[in-house]
Amino acid sequence: MSSEAFNGFNTDTALSKLLPGELYQRIHVTALKRVVRGVQAHAVPDAIDVAHLKGCLSYDGPDSLLAHPADVERIFADVTLDTVRTIEHLYCSRLGRSIRMVWRLLNDGEQHCESHAISYEAVWAICLYFEEHRRASVDISIERGKEIWWLGIVSPDITLSDPHTPSHCPAIACLVDVQTQHVLSFRIASVKNLQESIGLALFDALAAQRRPQRLAHAGLLWHLPQRIVTEGALPQKYSTLCRQAGIAVEATAGTQPVLQALRETWAAGLAGRMLSQNHCALLLDTHLSKMHKYGPRREGELRDRAFAAAQGYSQDPAWQFPLLRLLLPRKEGYITDEGLITWNGLLYRGEFLHFWPGHPVTLRLSAHKPGNAWAYLDGEVLCLAQRQRGNTIGKGEMSETREKKGSEPCIS
């Protein structure tokens, strides 16, 4: 089942009209068949008893899934072709919005137009009807490797001093390939921000594993390690993410030769010095390149130049691989009356924010493009927001955020 079923209704006059009742029935039956198979089982409407559906399907066959025409009319009240198309665009996006978020967006938008609310069951059914299209939009191509990565912390006796941050002693999160003894990534931060730097080191190492491949989803193949070993316990949120990505995690009390060498030579040679964070990173990357034949930042620059023209490679890795967003720094802000996100004195603009003035939001700051942030409403992704220049923006200046050539519809 696909959007081709609606092609016969694609005219300007048909967009705002109700669809034939048999098409609503078809959408609903398709959704019920898919939920019986376990598709989006966590999003099932309260009125639907999946266990009962399975029994009916087993004893009475597919016809048992047909709803009474009056029930179909009630469920899909006020659902037009334009509504269906809007749901398809909101749901079948690499942004990865949930069914509940699509429903909230649709109804908050409709309320601004003084229209009637669309039922959750209708939105749920239409989303499941387009589930194959959704999969094609969000799936990634993964290659499972045998590599073991090792996460360790190097704490040199130096002081970092920058114009906008207090002086502090750094902790450097390093991710090592056990077989090659290459440091795949490192992040430098204060001890109090160590968890954040661990997440970013994991992000950098995973993002470095993507390679262009013509037949892969979004043109990229992601090579993932078999296991990550950590010196001490990995924060629970990152352990959960690794398991979701199919990567085993274990803790150890040992270390790796390259990390021991860094502590005994590079860190010892800098003892007592005061550096900027950028200078410290440059010194570490240069040392790794000279002494261990692999500086992750230099290698990353070479890789980016080599693959710059490849489809999808230059886009934000967190756009291409949505699970990676959970490794990004998390910040709490709120939506202003003008429909902008404010955090730390900065303003961010994004789609649909004006539906929830005064509402708290969570930002995940992009590691690929510092001016971007993924905005989450009540724990679910809402939009990609962009930081604004200057500190004041007038009302009514909302514009659409674009990440792909195909834009997402504004609800108006």
Protein backbone atom coordinates (compact mmCIF):
# COMPACT_ATOMS: atom_id res chain seq x y z
CA MET A 1 0.00 0.00 0.00
CA SER A 2 1.41 3.40 -0.89
CA SER A 3 0.53 6.98 -1.71
CA GLU A 4 -0.28 5.85 -5.27
CA ALA A 5 -3.78 5.02 -3.99
CA PHE A 6 -4.42 8.77 -3.74
CA ASN A 7 -3.21 9.72 -7.22
CA GLY A 8 -6.71 9.80 -8.65
CA PHE A 9 -7.67 12.51 -6.17
CA ASN A 10 -4.71 14.81 -6.74
CA THR A 11 -6.41 17.94 -7.96
CA ASP A 12 -6.64 21.36 -6.37
CA THR A 13 -10.37 20.98 -5.76
CA ALA A 14 -10.02 17.48 -4.28
CA LEU A 15 -7.44 18.45 -1.66
CA SER A 16 -9.99 19.95 0.72
CA LYS A 17 -12.71 17.34 0.16
CA LEU A 18 -13.39 14.17 2.12
CA LEU A 19 -12.23 10.90 0.57
CA PRO A 20 -14.47 7.95 -0.35
CA GLY A 21 -15.45 5.86 2.68
CA GLU A 22 -13.89 2.71 1.22
CA LEU A 23 -10.47 4.42 1.13
CA TYR A 24 -10.71 5.30 4.83
CA GLN A 25 -11.67 1.68 5.50
CA ARG A 26 -8.68 0.48 3.49
CA ILE A 27 -6.32 2.73 5.46
CA HIS A 28 -7.76 1.50 8.77
CA VAL A 29 -7.55 -2.20 7.84
CA THR A 30 -3.95 -1.78 6.65
CA ALA A 31 -3.05 -0.19 9.98
CA LEU A 32 -4.72 -3.01 11.95
CA LYS A 33 -2.91 -5.68 9.93
CA ARG A 34 0.41 -3.99 10.58
CA VAL A 35 -0.11 -3.52 14.30
CA VAL A 36 -1.02 -7.21 14.61
CA ARG A 37 2.43 -7.91 13.12
CA GLY A 38 4.00 -5.68 15.79
CA VAL A 39 4.56 -2.50 13.75
CA GLN A 40 4.61 0.60 16.01
CA ALA A 41 3.03 -1.44 18.82
CA HIS A 42 3.90 1.26 21.39
CA ALA A 43 1.70 3.83 19.60
CA VAL A 44 -1.57 1.86 19.45
CA PRO A 45 -4.68 3.91 20.34
CA ASP A 46 -6.32 3.02 23.66
CA ALA A 47 -9.50 1.88 21.92
CA ILE A 48 -7.71 -0.92 20.02
CA ASP A 49 -7.19 -4.30 21.73
CA VAL A 50 -4.35 -5.93 19.81
CA ALA A 51 -4.74 -9.33 21.51
CA HIS A 52 -8.43 -9.37 20.55
CA LEU A 53 -7.55 -8.41 16.98
CA LYS A 54 -5.10 -11.31 16.73
CA GLY A 55 -7.79 -13.72 17.89
CA CYS A 56 -10.36 -12.37 15.41
CA LEU A 57 -7.87 -12.54 12.58
CA SER A 58 -6.97 -16.12 13.45
CA TYR A 59 -10.56 -17.38 13.68
CA ASP A 60 -12.51 -15.19 11.26
CA GLY A 61 -9.90 -14.01 8.73
CA PRO A 62 -9.16 -10.51 7.33
CA ASP A 63 -12.85 -9.51 7.09
CA SER A 64 -12.97 -9.40 10.89
CA LEU A 65 -10.80 -6.27 10.76
CA LEU A 66 -13.43 -4.28 8.86
CA ALA A 67 -15.02 -1.55 10.95
CA HIS A 68 -18.63 -0.45 10.75
CA PRO A 69 -19.03 2.38 8.20
CA ALA A 70 -20.38 4.67 10.93
CA ASP A 71 -17.25 4.02 13.03
CA VAL A 72 -15.00 4.71 10.05
CA GLU A 73 -16.83 7.98 9.43
CA ARG A 74 -16.41 8.95 13.10
CA ILE A 75 -12.70 8.04 13.23
CA PHE A 76 -11.83 9.90 10.02
CA ALA A 77 -14.10 12.90 10.56
CA ASP A 78 -12.73 15.99 8.77
CA VAL A 79 -9.80 14.04 7.25
CA THR A 80 -9.28 15.32 3.71
CA LEU A 81 -6.69 14.50 1.07
CA ASP A 82 -4.77 17.58 2.24
CA THR A 83 -4.77 16.14 5.77
CA VAL A 84 -3.43 12.81 4.50
CA ARG A 85 -0.67 14.51 2.50
CA THR A 86 0.33 16.65 5.49
CA ILE A 87 0.54 13.57 7.73
CA GLU A 88 2.65 11.80 5.11
CA HIS A 89 5.13 14.70 4.92
CA LEU A 90 5.37 15.09 8.70
CA TYR A 91 5.79 11.37 9.37
CA CYS A 92 7.85 10.19 6.40
CA SER A 93 10.82 12.43 7.13
CA ARG A 94 14.36 11.66 8.21
CA LEU A 95 13.67 13.87 11.19
CA GLY A 96 11.91 10.80 12.64
CA ARG A 97 8.86 12.35 14.30
CA SER A 98 6.68 9.99 16.33
CA ILE A 99 3.03 9.32 15.48
CA ARG A 100 1.96 11.19 18.63
CA MET A 101 4.07 14.21 17.64
CA VAL A 102 2.49 14.22 14.15
CA TRP A 103 -0.95 14.16 15.80
CA ARG A 104 -0.02 17.02 18.15
CA LEU A 105 1.38 19.08 15.28
CA LEU A 106 -1.66 18.49 13.13
CA ASN A 107 -4.13 19.42 15.84
CA ASP A 108 -2.25 22.38 17.25
CA GLY A 109 -2.02 23.67 13.71
CA GLU A 110 -5.68 22.99 13.04
CA GLN A 111 -6.71 24.81 16.22
CA HIS A 112 -5.01 27.93 14.86
CA CYS A 113 -7.30 27.60 11.86
CA GLU A 114 -10.36 27.12 14.10
CA SER A 115 -10.95 23.70 12.57
CA HIS A 116 -12.07 20.53 14.30
CA ALA A 117 -9.51 18.22 15.89
CA ILE A 118 -8.42 15.16 13.93
CA SER A 119 -8.71 11.96 16.00
CA TYR A 120 -5.54 10.23 17.17
CA GLU A 121 -6.77 6.93 15.71
CA ALA A 122 -7.09 8.52 12.27
CA VAL A 123 -3.56 9.95 12.41
CA TRP A 124 -2.22 6.62 13.73
CA ALA A 125 -3.92 4.67 10.93
CA ILE A 126 -2.65 7.01 8.20
CA CYS A 127 0.90 6.88 9.61
CA LEU A 128 0.87 3.07 9.61
CA TYR A 129 -0.57 3.11 6.10
CA PHE A 130 2.58 4.99 5.05
CA GLU A 131 4.93 2.87 7.20
CA GLU A 132 6.88 1.50 4.22
CA HIS A 133 7.46 5.03 2.96
CA ARG A 134 8.53 6.04 6.47
CA ARG A 135 11.02 3.18 6.63
CA ALA A 136 12.54 4.24 3.33
CA SER A 137 12.91 7.76 4.77
CA VAL A 138 14.57 6.89 8.10
CA ASP A 139 16.38 3.58 7.58
CA ILE A 140 20.17 3.40 7.52
CA SER A 141 22.53 0.80 6.06
CA ILE A 142 24.75 -0.84 8.69
CA GLU A 143 27.78 -3.07 8.31
CA ARG A 144 28.63 -5.05 11.46
CA GLY A 145 32.35 -5.26 12.15
CA LYS A 146 34.46 -7.32 14.55
CA GLU A 147 36.32 -4.35 16.01
CA ILE A 148 36.62 -3.65 19.71
CA TRP A 149 36.76 -0.02 20.78
CA TRP A 150 38.16 1.14 24.10
CA LEU A 151 37.05 4.24 25.97
CA GLY A 152 39.55 5.77 28.38
CA ILE A 153 40.16 9.12 30.09
CA VAL A 154 43.46 11.02 30.01
CA SER A 155 43.78 13.74 32.69
CA PRO A 156 46.94 15.84 32.07
CA ASP A 157 48.21 18.14 34.81
CA ILE A 158 47.61 21.32 32.80
CA THR A 159 45.26 24.30 33.00
CA LEU A 160 42.97 25.29 30.16
CA SER A 161 42.10 28.95 29.88
CA ASP A 162 39.78 30.50 27.30
CA PRO A 163 38.20 33.97 27.08
CA HIS A 164 34.64 32.75 27.72
CA THR A 165 35.21 29.91 30.23
CA PRO A 166 36.81 29.78 33.71
CA SER A 167 40.24 28.16 33.94
CA HIS A 168 40.03 24.43 34.65
CA CYS A 169 41.94 21.16 34.58
CA PRO A 170 40.77 19.06 31.61
CA ALA A 171 39.66 15.47 31.24
CA ILE A 172 40.14 14.04 27.75
CA ALA A 173 37.80 11.27 26.60
CA CYS A 174 39.58 9.05 24.06
CA LEU A 175 38.14 6.24 21.95
CA VAL A 176 40.73 3.70 20.78
CA ASP A 177 40.61 0.89 18.20
CA VAL A 178 42.10 -2.01 20.17
CA GLN A 179 43.57 -3.78 17.12
CA THR A 180 45.24 -0.80 15.42
CA GLN A 181 45.89 1.23 18.61
CA HIS A 182 44.60 4.31 16.77
CA VAL A 183 42.80 6.97 18.78
CA LEU A 184 39.62 7.25 16.72
CA SER A 185 38.38 10.37 18.46
CA PHE A 186 38.96 12.54 21.50
CA ARG A 187 37.09 15.34 23.24
CA ILE A 188 38.54 17.80 25.77
CA ALA A 189 36.39 19.29 28.52
CA SER A 190 36.37 20.13 32.20
CA VAL A 191 35.90 17.28 34.65
CA LYS A 192 32.34 18.42 35.42
CA ASN A 193 31.49 18.13 31.71
CA LEU A 194 33.11 14.70 31.28
CA GLN A 195 29.83 12.91 30.50
CA GLU A 196 29.13 15.37 27.71
CA SER A 197 32.62 14.92 26.23
CA ILE A 198 32.24 11.10 26.38
CA GLY A 199 29.05 11.41 24.32
CA LEU A 200 30.76 13.65 21.78
CA ALA A 201 33.78 11.32 21.53
CA LEU A 202 31.40 8.44 20.78
CA PHE A 203 29.57 10.62 18.24
CA ASP A 204 32.81 11.58 16.47
CA ALA A 205 34.05 7.99 16.30
CA LEU A 206 30.75 6.64 14.98
CA ALA A 207 30.36 9.48 12.46
CA ALA A 208 33.87 8.72 11.16
CA GLN A 209 32.70 5.21 10.22
CA ARG A 210 30.29 6.34 7.50
CA ARG A 211 31.32 5.82 3.90
CA PRO A 212 29.57 6.69 0.63
CA GLN A 213 27.89 3.74 -1.06
CA ARG A 214 25.58 4.21 -3.99
CA LEU A 215 23.03 1.50 -3.11
CA ALA A 216 22.90 2.22 0.64
CA HIS A 217 20.12 4.17 2.35
CA ALA A 218 20.76 7.90 1.93
CA GLY A 219 23.92 6.93 0.03
CA LEU A 220 25.86 6.00 3.20
CA LEU A 221 27.11 2.76 4.76
CA TRP A 222 27.79 2.85 8.52
CA HIS A 223 30.43 0.45 9.85
CA LEU A 224 29.82 -0.27 13.54
CA PRO A 225 32.12 -2.04 16.03
CA GLN A 226 31.20 -5.26 17.77
CA ARG A 227 31.94 -4.04 21.28
CA ILE A 228 32.99 -1.02 23.33
CA VAL A 229 35.07 -1.59 26.46
CA THR A 230 35.20 1.25 28.99
CA GLU A 231 37.60 2.08 31.80
CA GLY A 232 34.91 2.36 34.43
CA ALA A 233 31.15 2.34 33.89
CA LEU A 234 29.73 4.01 30.79
CA PRO A 235 26.87 6.42 31.62
CA GLN A 236 23.59 4.53 31.39
CA LYS A 237 22.14 6.73 28.64
CA TYR A 238 25.08 5.89 26.37
CA SER A 239 24.98 2.18 27.24
CA THR A 240 21.31 2.11 26.25
CA LEU A 241 22.06 3.83 22.95
CA CYS A 242 24.88 1.35 22.17
CA ARG A 243 22.57 -1.59 22.80
CA GLN A 244 19.96 -0.05 20.51
CA ALA A 245 22.64 0.18 17.83
CA GLY A 246 23.61 -3.46 18.38
CA ILE A 247 26.95 -2.66 20.07
CA ALA A 248 27.87 -4.62 23.22
CA VAL A 249 29.27 -2.65 26.18
CA GLU A 250 31.47 -3.88 29.02
CA ALA A 251 33.53 -2.24 31.76
CA THR A 252 37.11 -3.07 32.74
CA ALA A 253 39.79 -1.93 35.16
CA GLY A 254 42.59 -2.17 32.58
CA THR A 255 43.86 0.22 29.93
CA GLN A 256 45.40 0.23 26.43
CA PRO A 257 49.06 0.79 25.45
CA VAL A 258 48.31 3.95 23.47
CA LEU A 259 46.44 5.49 26.41
CA GLN A 260 49.22 4.56 28.83
CA ALA A 261 51.76 6.12 26.45
CA LEU A 262 49.73 9.33 26.29
CA ARG A 263 49.64 9.55 30.06
CA GLU A 264 53.36 8.84 30.49
CA THR A 265 54.78 10.91 27.60
CA TRP A 266 52.45 13.49 26.07
CA ALA A 267 50.60 14.45 29.28
CA ALA A 268 53.76 14.34 31.40
CA GLY A 269 55.55 16.62 28.92
CA LEU A 270 52.86 19.29 29.28
CA ALA A 271 52.65 19.21 33.09
CA GLY A 272 52.16 22.63 34.64
CA ARG A 273 51.43 24.49 31.38
CA MET A 274 48.48 26.78 30.68
CA LEU A 275 46.88 26.30 27.24
CA SER A 276 43.78 27.19 25.33
CA GLN A 277 41.49 24.28 24.52
CA ASN A 278 42.15 24.60 20.78
CA HIS A 279 45.91 24.61 21.35
CA CYS A 280 45.65 21.53 23.57
CA ALA A 281 43.62 19.70 20.89
CA LEU A 282 46.14 20.65 18.19
CA LEU A 283 49.05 19.40 20.30
CA LEU A 284 47.31 16.10 21.00
CA ASP A 285 46.30 15.49 17.40
CA THR A 286 49.81 16.34 16.17
CA HIS A 287 51.37 14.00 18.74
CA LEU A 288 49.05 11.15 17.73
CA SER A 289 49.78 11.73 14.05
CA LYS A 290 53.56 11.70 14.54
CA MET A 291 53.93 9.01 17.19
CA HIS A 292 51.03 6.71 16.37
CA LYS A 293 50.52 7.45 12.65
CA TYR A 294 46.88 8.51 13.11
CA GLY A 295 45.60 11.90 14.24
CA PRO A 296 41.77 11.69 14.23
CA ARG A 297 41.21 15.35 13.41
CA ARG A 298 43.68 15.41 10.54
CA GLU A 299 42.33 12.13 9.20
CA GLY A 300 38.81 13.51 9.45
CA GLU A 301 39.72 16.56 7.40
CA LEU A 302 41.27 14.36 4.70
CA ARG A 303 38.21 12.12 4.68
CA ASP A 304 35.82 15.06 4.44
CA ARG A 305 37.71 16.44 1.44
CA ALA A 306 37.80 13.05 -0.28
CA PHE A 307 34.05 12.43 0.12
CA ALA A 308 32.80 16.02 -0.13
CA ALA A 309 30.99 15.40 -3.42
CA ALA A 310 29.42 12.09 -2.37
CA GLN A 311 25.66 11.94 -1.91
CA GLY A 312 24.62 12.54 1.70
CA TYR A 313 28.14 12.56 3.17
CA SER A 314 28.35 16.30 3.81
CA GLN A 315 25.00 16.35 5.66
CA ASP A 316 24.87 16.26 9.44
CA PRO A 317 25.54 12.67 10.60
CA ALA A 318 22.79 13.13 13.20
CA TRP A 319 20.33 13.85 10.37
CA GLN A 320 21.38 10.70 8.55
CA PHE A 321 21.61 8.47 11.67
CA PRO A 322 18.93 9.80 14.10
CA LEU A 323 20.08 7.63 17.04
CA LEU A 324 23.32 9.66 17.18
CA ARG A 325 21.37 12.72 18.36
CA LEU A 326 21.20 11.19 21.84
CA LEU A 327 24.99 11.59 22.09
CA LEU A 328 24.81 15.35 21.56
CA PRO A 329 24.94 17.94 24.38
CA ARG A 330 21.52 18.36 25.98
CA LYS A 331 20.35 21.86 26.98
CA GLU A 332 17.05 23.07 28.42
CA GLY A 333 15.30 26.11 26.95
CA TYR A 334 11.78 27.38 26.37
CA ILE A 335 9.68 28.81 23.55
CA THR A 336 9.07 32.56 23.58
CA ASP A 337 5.80 34.29 22.72
CA GLU A 338 7.36 35.05 19.32
CA GLY A 339 7.79 31.33 18.58
CA LEU A 340 11.56 31.20 19.13
CA ILE A 341 13.61 29.00 21.46
CA THR A 342 15.72 30.84 23.98
CA TRP A 343 18.65 29.19 25.74
CA ASN A 344 21.74 30.70 27.33
CA GLY A 345 21.01 34.11 25.83
CA LEU A 346 20.73 32.66 22.32
CA LEU A 347 17.68 32.46 20.06
CA TYR A 348 16.77 29.54 17.78
CA ARG A 349 14.20 29.51 15.00
CA GLY A 350 12.38 26.40 13.78
CA GLU A 351 9.13 25.12 12.34
CA PHE A 352 5.98 24.82 14.46
CA LEU A 353 7.50 26.40 17.59
CA HIS A 354 4.85 29.11 17.57
CA PHE A 355 2.23 26.46 18.44
CA TRP A 356 3.63 26.16 22.00
CA PRO A 357 4.62 29.58 23.41
CA GLY A 358 6.03 29.38 26.94
CA HIS A 359 6.57 25.62 26.70
CA PRO A 360 9.91 24.11 27.84
CA VAL A 361 11.97 22.35 25.18
CA THR A 362 15.16 20.30 25.09
CA LEU A 363 17.90 21.14 22.60
CA ARG A 364 20.48 18.72 21.27
CA LEU A 365 23.29 20.88 19.93
CA SER A 366 24.65 19.77 16.56
CA ALA A 367 28.30 18.68 16.54
CA HIS A 368 28.41 19.03 12.74
CA LYS A 369 27.02 22.56 12.43
CA PRO A 370 27.25 24.52 15.72
CA GLY A 371 24.40 26.87 14.79
CA ASN A 372 21.89 24.01 14.56
CA ALA A 373 20.05 22.17 17.32
CA TRP A 374 17.48 19.40 17.38
CA ALA A 375 14.44 20.58 19.35
CA TYR A 376 12.50 18.10 21.50
CA LEU A 377 9.06 18.72 22.99
CA ASP A 378 8.16 16.51 25.96
CA GLY A 379 10.95 14.12 25.00
CA GLU A 380 9.98 13.75 21.32
CA VAL A 381 11.75 15.35 18.38
CA LEU A 382 9.86 18.34 16.97
CA CYS A 383 12.13 20.12 14.49
CA LEU A 384 15.63 21.18 13.53
CA ALA A 385 16.18 24.72 14.85
CA GLN A 386 18.76 27.26 13.69
CA ARG A 387 20.50 29.83 15.84
CA GLN A 388 19.73 33.45 14.99
CA ARG A 389 22.24 36.27 14.69
CA GLY A 390 21.68 39.11 17.11
CA ASN A 391 19.56 39.09 20.26
CA THR A 392 16.22 40.52 19.15
CA ILE A 393 13.84 39.20 16.52
CA GLY A 394 10.45 40.73 15.87
CA LYS A 395 7.14 38.90 15.87
CA GLY A 396 5.91 37.28 12.71
CA GLU A 397 9.34 36.56 11.32
CA MET A 398 9.01 32.77 11.50
CA SER A 399 10.50 30.96 8.54
CA GLU A 400 10.68 27.31 7.63
CA THR A 401 13.71 25.24 8.56
CA ARG A 402 15.04 23.21 5.69
CA GLU A 403 17.37 20.22 5.90
CA LYS A 404 16.42 18.54 2.67
CA LYS A 405 15.57 19.74 -0.80
CA GLY A 406 11.99 18.62 -0.24
CA SER A 407 10.43 21.01 2.28
CA GLU A 408 7.99 19.95 4.96
CA PRO A 409 4.54 21.56 4.88
CA CYS A 410 3.56 24.34 7.23
CA ILE A 411 0.17 23.84 8.82
CA SER A 412 -1.85 26.98 8.41
